[in-house]
Amino acid sequence: MGFYEDRILPHIINCACGSAPVSKQRSKVVPNAQGRVLEIGMGSGHNLSFYDPEKVEFVWGLEPSEGMRKKAAGNVEKSGIEVKWLDLPGEEIPLEDDSADTVLLTYTLCTIPDWQKALEQMRRVLKPGGSLLFSEHGKAPDESVRRWQDRINPFWGKISGGCNLNRPIPTLIEKGGFAISDLDSAYLSWPRFASFNYWGSAAVR
């Protein structure tokens, strides 16, 4: 990784992903995790304070960025949750089939280049009866907002670590082999082109 990706971008992502509106979304989803949890794109560990330690055995933290793992050190130390780092991209999950009781996906699906392969890998490692929990921003329902998303997206990704503004999150999850069992959506109190959120849960289809 270059200087920007390793030294500057982690600070930007950490601030954005730790904002009050995003933290509120995390509080709706993360406490539902249980058992052995695989967190995709763990980043700087913003989700750690929302896990229920009585329900979670440990967390596999999949995070390819060394800069983000360094920023996570303080949150990991403060947390009562055991974290086992996995240092590979989301498309290549180094776990056996049916390993995880919960897969957690928060503000990560927007950045994974091969999202379909990544979701298929999540499906592979999730136990039968397990849950995929997600909170992601993506394609807005309003045409005027979508036009801005499409215009900005090519430039946005270059400064935000490959983030895409306009991915149709529920459609991608279903194409990855999951059936959505619970889904909510709304704009957060951010600029509308970057703030339409989808959150809920899904199971292996």
N, C-alpha and C. Protein backbone atom coordinates (compact mmCIF):
# COMPACT_ATOMS: atom_id res chain seq x y z
N MET A 1 0.84 -1.20 0.00
CA MET A 1 0.00 0.00 0.00
C MET A 1 0.87 1.25 0.00
N GLY A 2 0.36 2.34 -0.57
CA GLY A 2 1.07 3.59 -0.60
C GLY A 2 0.88 4.38 0.67
N PHE A 3 1.54 5.54 0.74
CA PHE A 3 1.48 6.39 1.93
C PHE A 3 0.05 6.81 2.24
N TYR A 4 -0.71 7.23 1.21
CA TYR A 4 -2.08 7.69 1.42
C TYR A 4 -2.95 6.57 1.99
N GLU A 5 -2.86 5.36 1.36
CA GLU A 5 -3.70 4.24 1.77
C GLU A 5 -3.35 3.74 3.17
N ASP A 6 -2.06 3.82 3.53
CA ASP A 6 -1.63 3.24 4.80
C ASP A 6 -1.64 4.23 5.95
N ARG A 7 -1.43 5.53 5.66
CA ARG A 7 -1.26 6.51 6.74
C ARG A 7 -2.41 7.52 6.84
N ILE A 8 -2.96 7.91 5.70
CA ILE A 8 -3.98 8.98 5.71
C ILE A 8 -5.39 8.41 5.66
N LEU A 9 -5.62 7.49 4.70
CA LEU A 9 -6.97 6.95 4.52
C LEU A 9 -7.53 6.31 5.78
N PRO A 10 -6.74 5.55 6.57
CA PRO A 10 -7.31 4.98 7.80
C PRO A 10 -7.89 6.03 8.74
N HIS A 11 -7.27 7.21 8.82
CA HIS A 11 -7.80 8.26 9.69
C HIS A 11 -9.13 8.79 9.16
N ILE A 12 -9.23 8.95 7.85
CA ILE A 12 -10.47 9.44 7.23
C ILE A 12 -11.60 8.44 7.46
N ILE A 13 -11.32 7.17 7.19
CA ILE A 13 -12.33 6.13 7.35
C ILE A 13 -12.74 5.99 8.81
N ASN A 14 -11.76 6.07 9.69
CA ASN A 14 -12.04 5.95 11.12
C ASN A 14 -13.01 7.04 11.58
N CYS A 15 -12.79 8.26 11.13
CA CYS A 15 -13.68 9.37 11.52
C CYS A 15 -15.07 9.20 10.94
N ALA A 16 -15.14 8.86 9.65
CA ALA A 16 -16.44 8.71 8.99
C ALA A 16 -17.24 7.56 9.59
N CYS A 17 -16.56 6.43 9.82
CA CYS A 17 -17.25 5.23 10.31
C CYS A 17 -17.52 5.28 11.81
N GLY A 18 -16.96 6.27 12.49
CA GLY A 18 -17.23 6.43 13.91
C GLY A 18 -18.17 7.56 14.22
N SER A 19 -18.78 8.13 13.19
CA SER A 19 -19.70 9.26 13.40
C SER A 19 -20.97 8.80 14.12
N ALA A 20 -21.69 9.75 14.69
CA ALA A 20 -22.88 9.44 15.47
C ALA A 20 -23.96 8.71 14.67
N PRO A 21 -24.28 9.15 13.43
CA PRO A 21 -25.31 8.43 12.68
C PRO A 21 -24.92 6.98 12.38
N VAL A 22 -23.66 6.74 12.07
CA VAL A 22 -23.21 5.39 11.77
C VAL A 22 -23.19 4.55 13.04
N SER A 23 -22.76 5.13 14.14
CA SER A 23 -22.75 4.40 15.41
C SER A 23 -24.16 3.98 15.81
N LYS A 24 -25.13 4.82 15.55
CA LYS A 24 -26.52 4.47 15.85
C LYS A 24 -26.95 3.26 15.04
N GLN A 25 -26.53 3.20 13.78
CA GLN A 25 -26.87 2.04 12.96
C GLN A 25 -26.19 0.78 13.48
N ARG A 26 -24.95 0.91 13.89
CA ARG A 26 -24.25 -0.25 14.45
C ARG A 26 -24.98 -0.80 15.66
N SER A 27 -25.51 0.10 16.48
CA SER A 27 -26.20 -0.33 17.71
C SER A 27 -27.47 -1.11 17.43
N LYS A 28 -28.01 -0.98 16.23
CA LYS A 28 -29.21 -1.71 15.86
C LYS A 28 -28.90 -3.14 15.41
N VAL A 29 -27.67 -3.36 14.94
CA VAL A 29 -27.34 -4.62 14.27
C VAL A 29 -26.38 -5.49 15.09
N VAL A 30 -25.28 -4.90 15.55
CA VAL A 30 -24.19 -5.67 16.15
C VAL A 30 -24.62 -6.47 17.38
N PRO A 31 -25.48 -5.94 18.27
CA PRO A 31 -25.85 -6.72 19.46
C PRO A 31 -26.54 -8.05 19.15
N ASN A 32 -26.99 -8.23 17.93
CA ASN A 32 -27.65 -9.48 17.55
C ASN A 32 -26.65 -10.59 17.22
N ALA A 33 -25.38 -10.26 17.13
CA ALA A 33 -24.35 -11.27 16.82
C ALA A 33 -24.21 -12.24 17.98
N GLN A 34 -23.93 -13.50 17.64
CA GLN A 34 -23.76 -14.50 18.68
C GLN A 34 -22.81 -15.60 18.23
N GLY A 35 -22.27 -16.32 19.22
CA GLY A 35 -21.38 -17.44 18.93
C GLY A 35 -20.05 -17.00 18.36
N ARG A 36 -19.58 -17.75 17.39
CA ARG A 36 -18.34 -17.41 16.70
C ARG A 36 -18.68 -16.45 15.57
N VAL A 37 -18.15 -15.25 15.65
CA VAL A 37 -18.52 -14.18 14.72
C VAL A 37 -17.38 -13.91 13.75
N LEU A 38 -17.72 -13.82 12.48
CA LEU A 38 -16.78 -13.36 11.47
C LEU A 38 -17.18 -11.96 11.07
N GLU A 39 -16.33 -10.98 11.39
CA GLU A 39 -16.59 -9.59 11.00
C GLU A 39 -15.77 -9.25 9.78
N ILE A 40 -16.46 -8.89 8.70
CA ILE A 40 -15.82 -8.59 7.43
C ILE A 40 -15.45 -7.11 7.40
N GLY A 41 -14.15 -6.83 7.17
CA GLY A 41 -13.71 -5.44 7.16
C GLY A 41 -13.84 -4.81 8.53
N MET A 42 -13.12 -5.35 9.49
CA MET A 42 -13.28 -4.91 10.87
C MET A 42 -12.80 -3.48 11.09
N GLY A 43 -11.93 -2.99 10.22
CA GLY A 43 -11.49 -1.61 10.33
C GLY A 43 -10.81 -1.32 11.66
N SER A 44 -11.17 -0.21 12.27
CA SER A 44 -10.55 0.20 13.52
C SER A 44 -11.31 -0.31 14.75
N GLY A 45 -12.23 -1.24 14.55
CA GLY A 45 -12.91 -1.87 15.68
C GLY A 45 -14.08 -1.11 16.25
N HIS A 46 -14.76 -0.31 15.43
CA HIS A 46 -15.90 0.46 15.93
C HIS A 46 -17.02 -0.42 16.46
N ASN A 47 -17.13 -1.65 15.93
CA ASN A 47 -18.23 -2.51 16.36
C ASN A 47 -18.02 -3.15 17.73
N LEU A 48 -16.78 -3.15 18.21
CA LEU A 48 -16.47 -3.91 19.42
C LEU A 48 -17.30 -3.51 20.63
N SER A 49 -17.58 -2.24 20.77
CA SER A 49 -18.33 -1.79 21.95
C SER A 49 -19.81 -2.17 21.89
N PHE A 50 -20.27 -2.64 20.73
CA PHE A 50 -21.69 -2.99 20.58
C PHE A 50 -21.96 -4.49 20.69
N TYR A 51 -20.92 -5.31 20.71
CA TYR A 51 -21.13 -6.75 20.89
C TYR A 51 -21.61 -7.04 22.31
N ASP A 52 -22.44 -8.05 22.44
CA ASP A 52 -22.86 -8.53 23.75
C ASP A 52 -21.89 -9.64 24.17
N PRO A 53 -21.01 -9.39 25.15
CA PRO A 53 -19.99 -10.39 25.50
C PRO A 53 -20.57 -11.68 26.06
N GLU A 54 -21.82 -11.64 26.51
CA GLU A 54 -22.45 -12.86 27.01
C GLU A 54 -22.95 -13.75 25.88
N LYS A 55 -23.04 -13.19 24.68
CA LYS A 55 -23.55 -13.95 23.53
C LYS A 55 -22.45 -14.35 22.55
N VAL A 56 -21.32 -13.64 22.59
CA VAL A 56 -20.27 -13.83 21.59
C VAL A 56 -19.11 -14.62 22.18
N GLU A 57 -18.72 -15.69 21.49
CA GLU A 57 -17.58 -16.50 21.93
C GLU A 57 -16.27 -15.80 21.59
N PHE A 58 -16.11 -15.39 20.34
CA PHE A 58 -14.98 -14.57 19.90
C PHE A 58 -15.30 -14.03 18.52
N VAL A 59 -14.45 -13.14 18.05
CA VAL A 59 -14.65 -12.51 16.73
C VAL A 59 -13.42 -12.75 15.88
N TRP A 60 -13.65 -13.30 14.68
CA TRP A 60 -12.61 -13.28 13.65
C TRP A 60 -12.70 -11.93 12.96
N GLY A 61 -11.65 -11.14 13.02
CA GLY A 61 -11.65 -9.83 12.40
C GLY A 61 -10.91 -9.86 11.07
N LEU A 62 -11.65 -9.85 9.98
CA LEU A 62 -11.04 -9.86 8.65
C LEU A 62 -10.74 -8.43 8.23
N GLU A 63 -9.47 -8.07 8.19
CA GLU A 63 -9.08 -6.69 7.88
C GLU A 63 -7.73 -6.68 7.17
N PRO A 64 -7.72 -6.41 5.86
CA PRO A 64 -6.47 -6.46 5.10
C PRO A 64 -5.56 -5.25 5.30
N SER A 65 -6.08 -4.15 5.83
CA SER A 65 -5.28 -2.93 5.95
C SER A 65 -4.49 -2.92 7.26
N GLU A 66 -3.18 -2.87 7.13
CA GLU A 66 -2.33 -2.81 8.33
C GLU A 66 -2.60 -1.52 9.10
N GLY A 67 -2.83 -0.42 8.36
CA GLY A 67 -3.11 0.85 9.02
C GLY A 67 -4.37 0.79 9.87
N MET A 68 -5.40 0.11 9.38
CA MET A 68 -6.64 -0.01 10.14
C MET A 68 -6.45 -0.92 11.35
N ARG A 69 -5.69 -1.99 11.18
CA ARG A 69 -5.45 -2.88 12.32
C ARG A 69 -4.70 -2.15 13.44
N LYS A 70 -3.77 -1.28 13.05
CA LYS A 70 -3.06 -0.49 14.05
C LYS A 70 -4.02 0.44 14.79
N LYS A 71 -4.93 1.06 14.04
CA LYS A 71 -5.89 1.96 14.68
C LYS A 71 -6.86 1.20 15.58
N ALA A 72 -7.04 -0.09 15.32
CA ALA A 72 -7.97 -0.89 16.11
C ALA A 72 -7.40 -1.31 17.46
N ALA A 73 -6.09 -1.20 17.63
CA ALA A 73 -5.43 -1.75 18.82
C ALA A 73 -6.06 -1.25 20.12
N GLY A 74 -6.35 0.05 20.19
CA GLY A 74 -6.93 0.60 21.41
C GLY A 74 -8.32 0.05 21.69
N ASN A 75 -9.15 -0.06 20.65
CA ASN A 75 -10.50 -0.59 20.83
C ASN A 75 -10.48 -2.06 21.22
N VAL A 76 -9.54 -2.80 20.65
CA VAL A 76 -9.41 -4.22 20.99
C VAL A 76 -9.00 -4.37 22.45
N GLU A 77 -8.06 -3.53 22.88
CA GLU A 77 -7.56 -3.61 24.26
C GLU A 77 -8.66 -3.30 25.27
N LYS A 78 -9.52 -2.33 24.94
CA LYS A 78 -10.59 -1.94 25.85
C LYS A 78 -11.74 -2.94 25.88
N SER A 79 -11.87 -3.69 24.81
CA SER A 79 -13.01 -4.59 24.68
C SER A 79 -12.81 -5.87 25.48
N GLY A 80 -13.92 -6.45 25.91
CA GLY A 80 -13.86 -7.75 26.55
C GLY A 80 -14.01 -8.89 25.56
N ILE A 81 -14.06 -8.55 24.27
CA ILE A 81 -14.25 -9.54 23.22
C ILE A 81 -12.90 -9.99 22.68
N GLU A 82 -12.70 -11.29 22.57
CA GLU A 82 -11.46 -11.80 21.96
C GLU A 82 -11.53 -11.62 20.45
N VAL A 83 -10.46 -11.05 19.88
CA VAL A 83 -10.39 -10.82 18.44
C VAL A 83 -9.25 -11.65 17.86
N LYS A 84 -9.57 -12.40 16.81
CA LYS A 84 -8.57 -13.18 16.08
C LYS A 84 -8.48 -12.59 14.67
N TRP A 85 -7.38 -11.90 14.38
CA TRP A 85 -7.24 -11.20 13.11
C TRP A 85 -7.04 -12.18 11.95
N LEU A 86 -7.70 -11.89 10.86
CA LEU A 86 -7.50 -12.60 9.60
C LEU A 86 -6.99 -11.57 8.60
N ASP A 87 -5.80 -11.78 8.11
CA ASP A 87 -5.13 -10.77 7.29
C ASP A 87 -5.21 -11.12 5.80
N LEU A 88 -6.45 -11.15 5.28
CA LEU A 88 -6.64 -11.43 3.86
C LEU A 88 -7.84 -10.64 3.37
N PRO A 89 -7.91 -10.37 2.06
CA PRO A 89 -9.07 -9.66 1.52
C PRO A 89 -10.36 -10.43 1.75
N GLY A 90 -11.49 -9.68 1.74
CA GLY A 90 -12.78 -10.29 1.98
C GLY A 90 -13.16 -11.39 1.01
N GLU A 91 -12.57 -11.37 -0.21
CA GLU A 91 -12.89 -12.39 -1.20
C GLU A 91 -12.28 -13.74 -0.85
N GLU A 92 -11.31 -13.78 0.05
CA GLU A 92 -10.60 -15.01 0.36
C GLU A 92 -10.62 -15.24 1.87
N ILE A 93 -11.63 -15.90 2.35
CA ILE A 93 -11.79 -16.09 3.79
C ILE A 93 -11.10 -17.38 4.22
N PRO A 94 -10.05 -17.29 5.03
CA PRO A 94 -9.27 -18.48 5.40
C PRO A 94 -9.87 -19.25 6.57
N LEU A 95 -11.13 -19.66 6.41
CA LEU A 95 -11.81 -20.46 7.41
C LEU A 95 -12.45 -21.68 6.75
N GLU A 96 -12.69 -22.71 7.55
CA GLU A 96 -13.34 -23.91 7.03
C GLU A 96 -14.82 -23.66 6.80
N ASP A 97 -15.44 -24.52 6.02
CA ASP A 97 -16.88 -24.45 5.79
C ASP A 97 -17.63 -24.51 7.13
N ASP A 98 -18.75 -23.80 7.21
CA ASP A 98 -19.64 -23.86 8.37
C ASP A 98 -18.91 -23.54 9.68
N SER A 99 -18.03 -22.53 9.65
CA SER A 99 -17.23 -22.19 10.83
C SER A 99 -17.90 -21.15 11.72
N ALA A 100 -18.64 -20.23 11.14
CA ALA A 100 -19.14 -19.07 11.88
C ALA A 100 -20.63 -19.18 12.18
N ASP A 101 -21.01 -18.75 13.36
CA ASP A 101 -22.43 -18.67 13.72
C ASP A 101 -23.05 -17.39 13.18
N THR A 102 -22.24 -16.34 13.09
CA THR A 102 -22.70 -15.04 12.60
C THR A 102 -21.64 -14.44 11.69
N VAL A 103 -22.07 -13.87 10.59
CA VAL A 103 -21.20 -13.04 9.75
C VAL A 103 -21.71 -11.61 9.85
N LEU A 104 -20.82 -10.69 10.18
CA LEU A 104 -21.20 -9.29 10.34
C LEU A 104 -20.57 -8.45 9.24
N LEU A 105 -21.42 -7.66 8.59
CA LEU A 105 -21.00 -6.87 7.43
C LEU A 105 -21.48 -5.45 7.64
N THR A 106 -20.57 -4.54 8.04
CA THR A 106 -20.96 -3.15 8.27
C THR A 106 -20.06 -2.20 7.49
N TYR A 107 -20.64 -1.49 6.54
CA TYR A 107 -19.95 -0.46 5.77
C TYR A 107 -18.68 -1.00 5.11
N THR A 108 -18.83 -2.18 4.50
CA THR A 108 -17.72 -2.88 3.87
C THR A 108 -18.05 -3.34 2.47
N LEU A 109 -19.29 -3.76 2.24
CA LEU A 109 -19.67 -4.30 0.93
C LEU A 109 -19.50 -3.28 -0.18
N CYS A 110 -19.52 -2.01 0.18
CA CYS A 110 -19.33 -0.95 -0.82
C CYS A 110 -17.93 -0.93 -1.40
N THR A 111 -16.96 -1.52 -0.69
CA THR A 111 -15.56 -1.40 -1.11
C THR A 111 -14.97 -2.67 -1.71
N ILE A 112 -15.60 -3.82 -1.52
CA ILE A 112 -15.02 -5.09 -1.98
C ILE A 112 -15.12 -5.18 -3.50
N PRO A 113 -14.00 -5.30 -4.21
CA PRO A 113 -14.04 -5.33 -5.67
C PRO A 113 -14.91 -6.46 -6.22
N ASP A 114 -14.64 -7.70 -5.81
CA ASP A 114 -15.42 -8.84 -6.28
C ASP A 114 -16.44 -9.20 -5.20
N TRP A 115 -17.49 -8.41 -5.14
CA TRP A 115 -18.48 -8.56 -4.07
C TRP A 115 -19.17 -9.92 -4.13
N GLN A 116 -19.39 -10.46 -5.34
CA GLN A 116 -20.11 -11.73 -5.44
C GLN A 116 -19.27 -12.88 -4.88
N LYS A 117 -18.00 -12.91 -5.22
CA LYS A 117 -17.13 -13.95 -4.68
C LYS A 117 -17.04 -13.83 -3.16
N ALA A 118 -16.94 -12.59 -2.67
CA ALA A 118 -16.85 -12.38 -1.23
C ALA A 118 -18.10 -12.89 -0.51
N LEU A 119 -19.27 -12.59 -1.05
CA LEU A 119 -20.52 -13.05 -0.44
C LEU A 119 -20.64 -14.57 -0.51
N GLU A 120 -20.19 -15.15 -1.60
CA GLU A 120 -20.21 -16.61 -1.70
C GLU A 120 -19.30 -17.24 -0.65
N GLN A 121 -18.16 -16.58 -0.36
CA GLN A 121 -17.27 -17.05 0.69
C GLN A 121 -17.94 -16.91 2.07
N MET A 122 -18.63 -15.83 2.29
CA MET A 122 -19.36 -15.66 3.54
C MET A 122 -20.41 -16.75 3.70
N ARG A 123 -21.09 -17.05 2.62
CA ARG A 123 -22.10 -18.11 2.63
C ARG A 123 -21.45 -19.46 2.95
N ARG A 124 -20.27 -19.69 2.41
CA ARG A 124 -19.57 -20.96 2.63
C ARG A 124 -19.22 -21.17 4.10
N VAL A 125 -18.75 -20.11 4.77
CA VAL A 125 -18.26 -20.27 6.14
C VAL A 125 -19.36 -20.13 7.19
N LEU A 126 -20.54 -19.66 6.78
CA LEU A 126 -21.64 -19.49 7.73
C LEU A 126 -22.35 -20.83 7.97
N LYS A 127 -22.52 -21.17 9.23
CA LYS A 127 -23.18 -22.42 9.58
C LYS A 127 -24.65 -22.41 9.14
N PRO A 128 -25.20 -23.58 8.83
CA PRO A 128 -26.65 -23.66 8.60
C PRO A 128 -27.40 -23.13 9.81
N GLY A 129 -28.35 -22.26 9.58
CA GLY A 129 -29.08 -21.65 10.67
C GLY A 129 -28.43 -20.39 11.21
N GLY A 130 -27.23 -20.07 10.72
CA GLY A 130 -26.55 -18.85 11.16
C GLY A 130 -27.12 -17.61 10.48
N SER A 131 -26.63 -16.45 10.89
CA SER A 131 -27.16 -15.18 10.38
C SER A 131 -26.08 -14.32 9.77
N LEU A 132 -26.41 -13.71 8.66
CA LEU A 132 -25.62 -12.61 8.11
C LEU A 132 -26.29 -11.32 8.57
N LEU A 133 -25.59 -10.54 9.39
CA LEU A 133 -26.09 -9.25 9.84
C LEU A 133 -25.42 -8.15 9.05
N PHE A 134 -26.17 -7.16 8.60
CA PHE A 134 -25.57 -6.14 7.75
C PHE A 134 -26.15 -4.75 8.02
N SER A 135 -25.28 -3.77 7.84
CA SER A 135 -25.67 -2.37 7.78
C SER A 135 -24.74 -1.71 6.78
N GLU A 136 -25.30 -1.28 5.66
CA GLU A 136 -24.50 -0.80 4.53
C GLU A 136 -25.17 0.41 3.88
N HIS A 137 -24.36 1.32 3.36
CA HIS A 137 -24.93 2.40 2.56
C HIS A 137 -24.92 1.98 1.09
N GLY A 138 -25.82 2.57 0.31
CA GLY A 138 -25.86 2.15 -1.09
C GLY A 138 -26.82 2.97 -1.93
N LYS A 139 -27.30 2.34 -2.97
CA LYS A 139 -28.14 2.98 -3.99
C LYS A 139 -29.39 3.58 -3.36
N ALA A 140 -29.62 4.85 -3.64
CA ALA A 140 -30.76 5.56 -3.07
C ALA A 140 -32.02 5.30 -3.88
N PRO A 141 -33.19 5.42 -3.26
CA PRO A 141 -34.46 5.18 -3.97
C PRO A 141 -34.90 6.36 -4.83
N ASP A 142 -34.36 7.56 -4.56
CA ASP A 142 -34.80 8.75 -5.29
C ASP A 142 -33.93 8.97 -6.52
N GLU A 143 -34.58 9.16 -7.65
CA GLU A 143 -33.85 9.28 -8.91
C GLU A 143 -32.86 10.45 -8.91
N SER A 144 -33.25 11.56 -8.33
CA SER A 144 -32.36 12.72 -8.31
C SER A 144 -31.10 12.43 -7.51
N VAL A 145 -31.23 11.69 -6.42
CA VAL A 145 -30.07 11.33 -5.60
C VAL A 145 -29.22 10.31 -6.35
N ARG A 146 -29.86 9.34 -7.00
CA ARG A 146 -29.12 8.32 -7.75
C ARG A 146 -28.28 8.95 -8.86
N ARG A 147 -28.82 9.98 -9.50
CA ARG A 147 -28.05 10.65 -10.56
C ARG A 147 -26.76 11.23 -10.00
N TRP A 148 -26.85 11.84 -8.82
CA TRP A 148 -25.65 12.38 -8.19
C TRP A 148 -24.69 11.27 -7.77
N GLN A 149 -25.24 10.18 -7.26
CA GLN A 149 -24.39 9.05 -6.90
C GLN A 149 -23.60 8.54 -8.11
N ASP A 150 -24.29 8.41 -9.24
CA ASP A 150 -23.63 7.90 -10.45
C ASP A 150 -22.57 8.87 -10.97
N ARG A 151 -22.84 10.17 -10.84
CA ARG A 151 -21.87 11.17 -11.30
C ARG A 151 -20.61 11.17 -10.43
N ILE A 152 -20.82 11.11 -9.12
CA ILE A 152 -19.72 11.25 -8.18
C ILE A 152 -18.92 9.97 -8.03
N ASN A 153 -19.55 8.83 -8.23
CA ASN A 153 -18.95 7.55 -7.87
C ASN A 153 -17.54 7.31 -8.43
N PRO A 154 -17.27 7.61 -9.72
CA PRO A 154 -15.93 7.32 -10.24
C PRO A 154 -14.82 8.06 -9.50
N PHE A 155 -15.11 9.27 -9.03
CA PHE A 155 -14.10 10.06 -8.32
C PHE A 155 -14.07 9.70 -6.84
N TRP A 156 -15.24 9.41 -6.30
CA TRP A 156 -15.37 9.08 -4.88
C TRP A 156 -14.49 7.88 -4.50
N GLY A 157 -14.53 6.86 -5.33
CA GLY A 157 -13.77 5.65 -5.02
C GLY A 157 -12.27 5.89 -4.93
N LYS A 158 -11.76 6.85 -5.68
CA LYS A 158 -10.32 7.11 -5.70
C LYS A 158 -9.82 7.72 -4.40
N ILE A 159 -10.68 8.42 -3.68
CA ILE A 159 -10.25 9.08 -2.45
C ILE A 159 -10.76 8.38 -1.19
N SER A 160 -11.60 7.35 -1.39
CA SER A 160 -12.25 6.72 -0.22
C SER A 160 -11.97 5.22 -0.12
N GLY A 161 -10.86 4.79 -0.67
CA GLY A 161 -10.50 3.38 -0.53
C GLY A 161 -11.33 2.42 -1.34
N GLY A 162 -11.85 2.89 -2.48
CA GLY A 162 -12.63 2.02 -3.36
C GLY A 162 -14.11 1.96 -3.02
N CYS A 163 -14.59 2.84 -2.16
CA CYS A 163 -15.99 2.86 -1.78
C CYS A 163 -16.87 3.21 -2.98
N ASN A 164 -17.97 2.47 -3.13
CA ASN A 164 -18.98 2.75 -4.16
C ASN A 164 -20.24 3.29 -3.49
N LEU A 165 -20.77 4.37 -4.05
CA LEU A 165 -21.95 5.00 -3.48
C LEU A 165 -23.25 4.35 -3.91
N ASN A 166 -23.24 3.64 -5.03
CA ASN A 166 -24.49 3.28 -5.69
C ASN A 166 -24.73 1.78 -5.83
N ARG A 167 -24.18 0.98 -4.94
CA ARG A 167 -24.43 -0.45 -5.02
C ARG A 167 -25.81 -0.80 -4.44
N PRO A 168 -26.57 -1.64 -5.15
CA PRO A 168 -27.90 -2.05 -4.66
C PRO A 168 -27.75 -3.18 -3.64
N ILE A 169 -27.54 -2.83 -2.41
CA ILE A 169 -27.11 -3.77 -1.38
C ILE A 169 -28.01 -5.01 -1.25
N PRO A 170 -29.34 -4.87 -1.12
CA PRO A 170 -30.16 -6.08 -0.98
C PRO A 170 -30.04 -7.02 -2.18
N THR A 171 -29.95 -6.47 -3.36
CA THR A 171 -29.80 -7.29 -4.57
C THR A 171 -28.49 -8.06 -4.55
N LEU A 172 -27.41 -7.39 -4.13
CA LEU A 172 -26.12 -8.06 -4.07
C LEU A 172 -26.14 -9.21 -3.06
N ILE A 173 -26.72 -8.97 -1.90
CA ILE A 173 -26.78 -10.00 -0.87
C ILE A 173 -27.54 -11.22 -1.37
N GLU A 174 -28.64 -10.99 -2.06
CA GLU A 174 -29.43 -12.12 -2.58
C GLU A 174 -28.67 -12.84 -3.70
N LYS A 175 -27.97 -12.10 -4.55
CA LYS A 175 -27.18 -12.74 -5.60
C LYS A 175 -26.02 -13.55 -5.02
N GLY A 176 -25.60 -13.22 -3.81
CA GLY A 176 -24.53 -13.96 -3.15
C GLY A 176 -24.99 -15.25 -2.50
N GLY A 177 -26.28 -15.57 -2.62
CA GLY A 177 -26.78 -16.83 -2.11
C GLY A 177 -27.49 -16.75 -0.78
N PHE A 178 -27.92 -15.54 -0.38
CA PHE A 178 -28.62 -15.36 0.88
C PHE A 178 -30.09 -14.98 0.64
N ALA A 179 -30.90 -15.31 1.60
CA ALA A 179 -32.30 -14.87 1.61
C ALA A 179 -32.46 -13.86 2.75
N ILE A 180 -32.87 -12.65 2.41
CA ILE A 180 -33.02 -11.60 3.43
C ILE A 180 -34.29 -11.86 4.23
N SER A 181 -34.13 -11.91 5.54
CA SER A 181 -35.27 -12.17 6.42
C SER A 181 -35.77 -10.91 7.11
N ASP A 182 -34.93 -9.89 7.16
CA ASP A 182 -35.31 -8.64 7.83
C ASP A 182 -34.58 -7.50 7.13
N LEU A 183 -35.30 -6.46 6.75
CA LEU A 183 -34.68 -5.35 6.02
C LEU A 183 -35.35 -4.03 6.35
N ASP A 184 -34.54 -3.04 6.70
CA ASP A 184 -34.99 -1.66 6.88
C ASP A 184 -34.09 -0.76 6.06
N SER A 185 -34.56 0.42 5.76
CA SER A 185 -33.75 1.38 5.01
C SER A 185 -34.19 2.80 5.31
N ALA A 186 -33.23 3.72 5.22
CA ALA A 186 -33.52 5.13 5.49
C ALA A 186 -32.29 5.96 5.17
N TYR A 187 -32.50 7.25 4.95
CA TYR A 187 -31.40 8.19 4.86
C TYR A 187 -30.90 8.52 6.26
N LEU A 188 -29.59 8.58 6.44
CA LEU A 188 -29.02 9.07 7.68
C LEU A 188 -28.80 10.57 7.57
N SER A 189 -28.41 11.19 8.66
CA SER A 189 -28.22 12.65 8.66
C SER A 189 -26.83 13.01 8.14
N TRP A 190 -26.59 12.61 6.92
CA TRP A 190 -25.40 12.93 6.14
C TRP A 190 -25.86 13.49 4.82
N PRO A 191 -24.94 13.97 3.96
CA PRO A 191 -25.34 14.33 2.60
C PRO A 191 -26.04 13.13 1.94
N ARG A 192 -27.14 13.39 1.26
CA ARG A 192 -28.00 12.31 0.78
C ARG A 192 -27.32 11.39 -0.22
N PHE A 193 -26.37 11.88 -0.98
CA PHE A 193 -25.72 11.02 -1.97
C PHE A 193 -24.91 9.90 -1.33
N ALA A 194 -24.57 10.06 -0.05
CA ALA A 194 -23.74 9.05 0.63
C ALA A 194 -24.41 8.45 1.85
N SER A 195 -25.71 8.69 2.04
CA SER A 195 -26.28 8.36 3.35
C SER A 195 -27.45 7.39 3.33
N PHE A 196 -27.82 6.85 2.16
CA PHE A 196 -28.95 5.92 2.19
C PHE A 196 -28.46 4.58 2.71
N ASN A 197 -29.07 4.12 3.79
CA ASN A 197 -28.64 2.90 4.49
C ASN A 197 -29.64 1.77 4.38
N TYR A 198 -29.09 0.57 4.26
CA TYR A 198 -29.87 -0.66 4.36
C TYR A 198 -29.34 -1.44 5.56
N TRP A 199 -30.21 -2.00 6.38
CA TRP A 199 -29.75 -2.83 7.48
C TRP A 199 -30.76 -3.93 7.78
N GLY A 200 -30.22 -5.05 8.27
CA GLY A 200 -31.09 -6.18 8.57
C GLY A 200 -30.32 -7.45 8.73
N SER A 201 -30.96 -8.57 8.37
CA SER A 201 -30.34 -9.88 8.51
C SER A 201 -30.74 -10.78 7.37
N ALA A 202 -29.92 -11.81 7.14
CA ALA A 202 -30.19 -12.76 6.07
C ALA A 202 -29.67 -14.13 6.49
N ALA A 203 -30.16 -15.15 5.80
CA ALA A 203 -29.72 -16.52 6.07
C ALA A 203 -29.33 -17.18 4.75
N VAL A 204 -28.57 -18.25 4.85
CA VAL A 204 -28.16 -18.99 3.67
C VAL A 204 -29.39 -19.54 2.97
N ARG A 205 -29.43 -19.32 1.66
CA ARG A 205 -30.58 -19.80 0.90
C ARG A 205 -30.37 -21.25 0.48
